[in-house]
């Protein structure tokens, strides 16, 4: 029982850290792309928001699965 709780907490933590790293990478790449070509800022920003939302959805799903494993 204790190892299951530890595993669920560890899994949730890894999912959240992975999502944070992914969103950080997306933000960095988007800012670099906007800096290189300011005319495309709208398209880059829209794509960045869509991908960030998808990553957050996957992370939320992973955390929910970890909590259901308890």
PDB file of N, CA and C in Angstrom:
ATOM      1  N   UNK A   1       0.821  -1.191   0.000  1.00  0.00           N
ATOM      2  CA  UNK A   1       0.000   0.000   0.000  1.00  0.00           C
ATOM      3  C   UNK A   1       0.866   1.256   0.000  1.00  0.00           C
ATOM      4  N   UNK A   2       1.950   1.240   0.767  1.00  0.00           N
ATOM      5  CA  UNK A   2       2.806   2.415   0.835  1.00  0.00           C
ATOM      6  C   UNK A   2       3.558   2.637  -0.468  1.00  0.00           C
ATOM      7  N   UNK A   3       3.994   1.543  -1.103  1.00  0.00           N
ATOM      8  CA  UNK A   3       4.705   1.686  -2.373  1.00  0.00           C
ATOM      9  C   UNK A   3       3.779   2.196  -3.477  1.00  0.00           C
ATOM     10  N   UNK A   4       2.519   1.822  -3.422  1.00  0.00           N
ATOM     11  CA  UNK A   4       1.555   2.321  -4.392  1.00  0.00           C
ATOM     12  C   UNK A   4       1.358   3.821  -4.262  1.00  0.00           C
ATOM     13  N   UNK A   5       1.290   4.296  -3.032  1.00  0.00           N
ATOM     14  CA  UNK A   5       1.142   5.724  -2.791  1.00  0.00           C
ATOM     15  C   UNK A   5       2.383   6.470  -3.277  1.00  0.00           C
ATOM     16  N   UNK A   6       3.551   5.926  -2.972  1.00  0.00           N
ATOM     17  CA  UNK A   6       4.799   6.540  -3.415  1.00  0.00           C
ATOM     18  C   UNK A   6       4.882   6.559  -4.938  1.00  0.00           C
ATOM     19  N   UNK A   7       4.482   5.466  -5.576  1.00  0.00           N
ATOM     20  CA  UNK A   7       4.514   5.398  -7.035  1.00  0.00           C
ATOM     21  C   UNK A   7       3.567   6.394  -7.687  1.00  0.00           C
ATOM     22  N   UNK A   8       2.370   6.543  -7.110  1.00  0.00           N
ATOM     23  CA  UNK A   8       1.412   7.495  -7.663  1.00  0.00           C
ATOM     24  C   UNK A   8       1.912   8.927  -7.511  1.00  0.00           C
ATOM     25  N   UNK A   9       2.474   9.238  -6.357  1.00  0.00           N
ATOM     26  CA  UNK A   9       3.004  10.583  -6.139  1.00  0.00           C
ATOM     27  C   UNK A   9       4.190  10.860  -7.054  1.00  0.00           C
ATOM     28  N   UNK A  10       5.058   9.878  -7.216  1.00  0.00           N
ATOM     29  CA  UNK A  10       6.212  10.035  -8.093  1.00  0.00           C
ATOM     30  C   UNK A  10       5.769  10.189  -9.549  1.00  0.00           C
ATOM     31  N   UNK A  11       4.800   9.404  -9.954  1.00  0.00           N
ATOM     32  CA  UNK A  11       4.286   9.516 -11.322  1.00  0.00           C
ATOM     33  C   UNK A  11       3.655  10.865 -11.598  1.00  0.00           C
ATOM     34  N   UNK A  12       2.885  11.381 -10.634  1.00  0.00           N
ATOM     35  CA  UNK A  12       2.274  12.693 -10.804  1.00  0.00           C
ATOM     36  C   UNK A  12       3.340  13.775 -10.874  1.00  0.00           C
ATOM     37  N   UNK A  13       4.355  13.660 -10.034  1.00  0.00           N
ATOM     38  CA  UNK A  13       5.429  14.648 -10.052  1.00  0.00           C
ATOM     39  C   UNK A  13       6.207  14.643 -11.355  1.00  0.00           C
ATOM     40  N   UNK A  14       6.505  13.466 -11.861  1.00  0.00           N
ATOM     41  CA  UNK A  14       7.237  13.363 -13.134  1.00  0.00           C
ATOM     42  C   UNK A  14       6.394  13.920 -14.281  1.00  0.00           C
ATOM     43  N   UNK A  15       5.081  13.669 -14.255  1.00  0.00           N
ATOM     44  CA  UNK A  15       4.207  14.187 -15.307  1.00  0.00           C
ATOM     45  C   UNK A  15       4.181  15.711 -15.296  1.00  0.00           C
ATOM     46  N   UNK A  16       4.115  16.289 -14.110  1.00  0.00           N
ATOM     47  CA  UNK A  16       4.069  17.750 -14.009  1.00  0.00           C
ATOM     48  C   UNK A  16       5.407  18.367 -14.412  1.00  0.00           C
ATOM     49  N   UNK A  17       6.509  17.749 -14.002  1.00  0.00           N
ATOM     50  CA  UNK A  17       7.829  18.262 -14.385  1.00  0.00           C
ATOM     51  C   UNK A  17       8.016  18.160 -15.898  1.00  0.00           C
ATOM     52  N   UNK A  18       7.596  17.058 -16.481  1.00  0.00           N
ATOM     53  CA  UNK A  18       7.693  16.910 -17.933  1.00  0.00           C
ATOM     54  C   UNK A  18       6.876  17.947 -18.680  1.00  0.00           C
ATOM     55  N   UNK A  19       5.680  18.227 -18.184  1.00  0.00           N
ATOM     56  CA  UNK A  19       4.845  19.242 -18.820  1.00  0.00           C
ATOM     57  C   UNK A  19       5.475  20.624 -18.692  1.00  0.00           C
ATOM     58  N   UNK A  20       6.037  20.924 -17.534  1.00  0.00           N
ATOM     59  CA  UNK A  20       6.686  22.225 -17.339  1.00  0.00           C
ATOM     60  C   UNK A  20       7.876  22.391 -18.279  1.00  0.00           C
ATOM     61  N   UNK A  21       8.680  21.341 -18.425  1.00  0.00           N
ATOM     62  CA  UNK A  21       9.814  21.413 -19.346  1.00  0.00           C
ATOM     63  C   UNK A  21       9.349  21.581 -20.794  1.00  0.00           C
ATOM     64  N   UNK A  22       8.296  20.867 -21.167  1.00  0.00           N
ATOM     65  CA  UNK A  22       7.772  20.972 -22.529  1.00  0.00           C
ATOM     66  C   UNK A  22       7.225  22.346 -22.837  1.00  0.00           C
ATOM     67  N   UNK A  23       6.475  22.921 -21.918  1.00  0.00           N
ATOM     68  CA  UNK A  23       5.907  24.250 -22.140  1.00  0.00           C
ATOM     69  C   UNK A  23       7.017  25.300 -22.149  1.00  0.00           C
ATOM     70  N   UNK A  24       8.027  25.115 -21.304  1.00  0.00           N
ATOM     71  CA  UNK A  24       9.162  26.039 -21.321  1.00  0.00           C
ATOM     72  C   UNK A  24       9.905  26.005 -22.643  1.00  0.00           C
ATOM     73  N   UNK A  25      10.086  24.817 -23.174  1.00  0.00           N
ATOM     74  CA  UNK A  25      10.763  24.669 -24.473  1.00  0.00           C
ATOM     75  C   UNK A  25       9.939  25.307 -25.593  1.00  0.00           C
ATOM     76  N   UNK A  26       8.631  25.124 -25.530  1.00  0.00           N
ATOM     77  CA  UNK A  26       7.762  25.721 -26.543  1.00  0.00           C
ATOM     78  C   UNK A  26       7.818  27.239 -26.472  1.00  0.00           C
ATOM     79  N   UNK A  27       7.753  27.782 -25.255  1.00  0.00           N
ATOM     80  CA  UNK A  27       7.812  29.233 -25.089  1.00  0.00           C
ATOM     81  C   UNK A  27       9.127  29.800 -25.582  1.00  0.00           C
ATOM     82  N   UNK A  28      10.214  29.130 -25.280  1.00  0.00           N
ATOM     83  CA  UNK A  28      11.532  29.580 -25.725  1.00  0.00           C
ATOM     84  C   UNK A  28      11.629  29.580 -27.243  1.00  0.00           C
ATOM     85  N   UNK A  29      11.193  28.491 -27.845  1.00  0.00           N
ATOM     86  CA  UNK A  29      11.256  28.395 -29.308  1.00  0.00           C
ATOM     87  C   UNK A  29      10.341  29.420 -29.978  1.00  0.00           C
ATOM     88  N   UNK A  30       9.186  29.671 -29.383  1.00  0.00           N
ATOM     89  CA  UNK A  30       8.261  30.645 -29.965  1.00  0.00           C
ATOM     90  C   UNK A  30       8.829  32.057 -29.883  1.00  0.00           C
ATOM     91  N   UNK A  31       9.441  32.390 -28.757  1.00  0.00           N
ATOM     92  CA  UNK A  31      10.029  33.724 -28.633  1.00  0.00           C
ATOM     93  C   UNK A  31      11.193  33.912 -29.602  1.00  0.00           C
ATOM     94  N   UNK A  32      11.966  32.853 -29.813  1.00  0.00           N
ATOM     95  CA  UNK A  32      13.065  32.917 -30.780  1.00  0.00           C
ATOM     96  C   UNK A  32      12.518  33.082 -32.196  1.00  0.00           C
ATOM     97  N   UNK A  33      11.449  32.366 -32.512  1.00  0.00           N
ATOM     98  CA  UNK A  33      10.857  32.473 -33.847  1.00  0.00           C
ATOM     99  C   UNK A  33      10.270  33.860 -34.077  1.00  0.00           C
ATOM    100  N   UNK A  34       9.628  34.425 -33.061  1.00  0.00           N
ATOM    101  CA  UNK A  34       9.055  35.766 -33.204  1.00  0.00           C
ATOM    102  C   UNK A  34      10.179  36.793 -33.339  1.00  0.00           C
ATOM    103  N   UNK A  35      11.282  36.574 -32.616  1.00  0.00           N
ATOM    104  CA  UNK A  35      12.412  37.487 -32.732  1.00  0.00           C
ATOM    105  C   UNK A  35      13.042  37.449 -34.120  1.00  0.00           C
ATOM    106  N   UNK A  36      13.067  36.287 -34.724  1.00  0.00           N
ATOM    107  CA  UNK A  36      13.661  36.164 -36.057  1.00  0.00           C
ATOM    108  C   UNK A  36      12.740  36.695 -37.154  1.00  0.00           C
ATOM    109  N   UNK A  37      11.439  36.507 -36.966  1.00  0.00           N
ATOM    110  CA  UNK A  37      10.482  36.946 -37.985  1.00  0.00           C
ATOM    111  C   UNK A  37       9.249  37.540 -37.295  1.00  0.00           C
ATOM    112  N   UNK A  38       9.308  38.817 -36.962  1.00  0.00           N
ATOM    113  CA  UNK A  38       8.200  39.444 -36.222  1.00  0.00           C
ATOM    114  C   UNK A  38       6.871  39.463 -36.979  1.00  0.00           C
ATOM    115  N   UNK A  39       6.923  39.378 -38.290  1.00  0.00           N
ATOM    116  CA  UNK A  39       5.678  39.404 -39.072  1.00  0.00           C
ATOM    117  C   UNK A  39       4.809  38.176 -38.812  1.00  0.00           C
ATOM    118  N   UNK A  40       5.416  37.084 -38.422  1.00  0.00           N
ATOM    119  CA  UNK A  40       4.677  35.841 -38.202  1.00  0.00           C
ATOM    120  C   UNK A  40       4.290  35.656 -36.737  1.00  0.00           C
ATOM    121  N   UNK A  41       4.322  36.707 -35.946  1.00  0.00           N
ATOM    122  CA  UNK A  41       4.077  36.597 -34.503  1.00  0.00           C
ATOM    123  C   UNK A  41       2.690  36.027 -34.196  1.00  0.00           C
ATOM    124  N   UNK A  42       1.699  36.423 -34.932  1.00  0.00           N
ATOM    125  CA  UNK A  42       0.339  35.940 -34.678  1.00  0.00           C
ATOM    126  C   UNK A  42       0.201  34.444 -34.875  1.00  0.00           C
ATOM    127  N   UNK A  43       0.738  33.953 -35.975  1.00  0.00           N
ATOM    128  CA  UNK A  43       0.662  32.518 -36.260  1.00  0.00           C
ATOM    129  C   UNK A  43       1.480  31.705 -35.260  1.00  0.00           C
ATOM    130  N   UNK A  44       2.662  32.208 -34.914  1.00  0.00           N
ATOM    131  CA  UNK A  44       3.511  31.503 -33.959  1.00  0.00           C
ATOM    132  C   UNK A  44       2.848  31.456 -32.595  1.00  0.00           C
ATOM    133  N   UNK A  45       2.279  32.577 -32.163  1.00  0.00           N
ATOM    134  CA  UNK A  45       1.620  32.643 -30.854  1.00  0.00           C
ATOM    135  C   UNK A  45       0.420  31.694 -30.804  1.00  0.00           C
ATOM    136  N   UNK A  46      -0.363  31.654 -31.865  1.00  0.00           N
ATOM    137  CA  UNK A  46      -1.519  30.762 -31.900  1.00  0.00           C
ATOM    138  C   UNK A  46      -1.093  29.297 -31.814  1.00  0.00           C
ATOM    139  N   UNK A  47      -0.073  28.941 -32.591  1.00  0.00           N
ATOM    140  CA  UNK A  47       0.428  27.567 -32.546  1.00  0.00           C
ATOM    141  C   UNK A  47       0.990  27.229 -31.173  1.00  0.00           C
ATOM    142  N   UNK A  48       1.690  28.186 -30.556  1.00  0.00           N
ATOM    143  CA  UNK A  48       2.269  27.957 -29.235  1.00  0.00           C
ATOM    144  C   UNK A  48       1.169  27.700 -28.202  1.00  0.00           C
ATOM    145  N   UNK A  49       0.118  28.467 -28.249  1.00  0.00           N
ATOM    146  CA  UNK A  49      -0.968  28.299 -27.278  1.00  0.00           C
ATOM    147  C   UNK A  49      -1.665  26.954 -27.471  1.00  0.00           C
ATOM    148  N   UNK A  50      -1.878  26.546 -28.708  1.00  0.00           N
ATOM    149  CA  UNK A  50      -2.531  25.263 -28.972  1.00  0.00           C
ATOM    150  C   UNK A  50      -1.684  24.101 -28.458  1.00  0.00           C
ATOM    151  N   UNK A  51      -0.395  24.126 -28.749  1.00  0.00           N
ATOM    152  CA  UNK A  51       0.481  23.040 -28.314  1.00  0.00           C
ATOM    153  C   UNK A  51       0.623  23.033 -26.796  1.00  0.00           C
ATOM    154  N   UNK A  52       0.720  24.212 -26.179  1.00  0.00           N
ATOM    155  CA  UNK A  52       0.812  24.284 -24.714  1.00  0.00           C
ATOM    156  C   UNK A  52      -0.453  23.716 -24.069  1.00  0.00           C
ATOM    157  N   UNK A  53      -1.609  23.994 -24.651  1.00  0.00           N
ATOM    158  CA  UNK A  53      -2.858  23.451 -24.116  1.00  0.00           C
ATOM    159  C   UNK A  53      -2.900  21.931 -24.250  1.00  0.00           C
ATOM    160  N   UNK A  54      -2.393  21.401 -25.351  1.00  0.00           N
ATOM    161  CA  UNK A  54      -2.352  19.949 -25.517  1.00  0.00           C
ATOM    162  C   UNK A  54      -1.414  19.301 -24.500  1.00  0.00           C
ATOM    163  N   UNK A  55      -0.278  19.918 -24.248  1.00  0.00           N
ATOM    164  CA  UNK A  55       0.655  19.378 -23.257  1.00  0.00           C
ATOM    165  C   UNK A  55       0.031  19.417 -21.865  1.00  0.00           C
ATOM    166  N   UNK A  56      -0.634  20.518 -21.536  1.00  0.00           N
ATOM    167  CA  UNK A  56      -1.285  20.603 -20.226  1.00  0.00           C
ATOM    168  C   UNK A  56      -2.388  19.558 -20.092  1.00  0.00           C
ATOM    169  N   UNK A  57      -3.100  19.279 -21.176  1.00  0.00           N
ATOM    170  CA  UNK A  57      -4.144  18.256 -21.139  1.00  0.00           C
ATOM    171  C   UNK A  57      -3.575  16.878 -20.875  1.00  0.00           C
ATOM    172  N   UNK A  58      -2.467  16.568 -21.517  1.00  0.00           N
ATOM    173  CA  UNK A  58      -1.817  15.272 -21.294  1.00  0.00           C
ATOM    174  C   UNK A  58      -1.312  15.171 -19.864  1.00  0.00           C
ATOM    175  N   UNK A  59      -0.740  16.257 -19.346  1.00  0.00           N
ATOM    176  CA  UNK A  59      -0.233  16.254 -17.967  1.00  0.00           C
ATOM    177  C   UNK A  59      -1.387  16.090 -16.975  1.00  0.00           C
ATOM    178  N   UNK A  60      -2.479  16.765 -17.216  1.00  0.00           N
ATOM    179  CA  UNK A  60      -3.638  16.632 -16.335  1.00  0.00           C
ATOM    180  C   UNK A  60      -4.179  15.207 -16.362  1.00  0.00           C
ATOM    181  N   UNK A  61      -4.224  14.609 -17.542  1.00  0.00           N
ATOM    182  CA  UNK A  61      -4.674  13.224 -17.664  1.00  0.00           C
ATOM    183  C   UNK A  61      -3.742  12.290 -16.908  1.00  0.00           C
ATOM    184  N   UNK A  62      -2.423  12.513 -17.015  1.00  0.00           N
ATOM    185  CA  UNK A  62      -1.451  11.671 -16.315  1.00  0.00           C
ATOM    186  C   UNK A  62      -1.598  11.801 -14.806  1.00  0.00           C
ATOM    187  N   UNK A  63      -1.803  13.010 -14.320  1.00  0.00           N
ATOM    188  CA  UNK A  63      -1.982  13.217 -12.879  1.00  0.00           C
ATOM    189  C   UNK A  63      -3.277  12.555 -12.407  1.00  0.00           C
ATOM    190  N   UNK A  64      -4.341  12.652 -13.203  1.00  0.00           N
ATOM    191  CA  UNK A  64      -5.597  12.024 -12.834  1.00  0.00           C
ATOM    192  C   UNK A  64      -5.456  10.500 -12.774  1.00  0.00           C
ATOM    193  N   UNK A  65      -4.720   9.926 -13.716  1.00  0.00           N
ATOM    194  CA  UNK A  65      -4.494   8.477 -13.701  1.00  0.00           C
ATOM    195  C   UNK A  65      -3.688   8.072 -12.473  1.00  0.00           C
ATOM    196  N   UNK A  66      -2.685   8.884 -12.122  1.00  0.00           N
ATOM    197  CA  UNK A  66      -1.883   8.586 -10.931  1.00  0.00           C
ATOM    198  C   UNK A  66      -2.732   8.631  -9.668  1.00  0.00           C
ATOM    199  N   UNK A  67      -3.629   9.594  -9.580  1.00  0.00           N
ATOM    200  CA  UNK A  67      -4.485   9.676  -8.397  1.00  0.00           C
ATOM    201  C   UNK A  67      -5.531   8.568  -8.367  1.00  0.00           C
ATOM    202  N   UNK A  68      -5.967   8.117  -9.546  1.00  0.00           N
ATOM    203  CA  UNK A  68      -6.917   7.015  -9.576  1.00  0.00           C
ATOM    204  C   UNK A  68      -6.245   5.694  -9.192  1.00  0.00           C
ATOM    205  N   UNK A  69      -4.918   5.638  -9.362  1.00  0.00           N
ATOM    206  CA  UNK A  69      -4.185   4.434  -9.002  1.00  0.00           C
ATOM    207  C   UNK A  69      -4.102   4.260  -7.487  1.00  0.00           C
ATOM    208  N   UNK A  70      -4.380   5.329  -6.761  1.00  0.00           N
ATOM    209  CA  UNK A  70      -4.360   5.210  -5.302  1.00  0.00           C
ATOM    210  C   UNK A  70      -5.537   4.383  -4.865  1.00  0.00           C
TER     211      UNK A  70
END
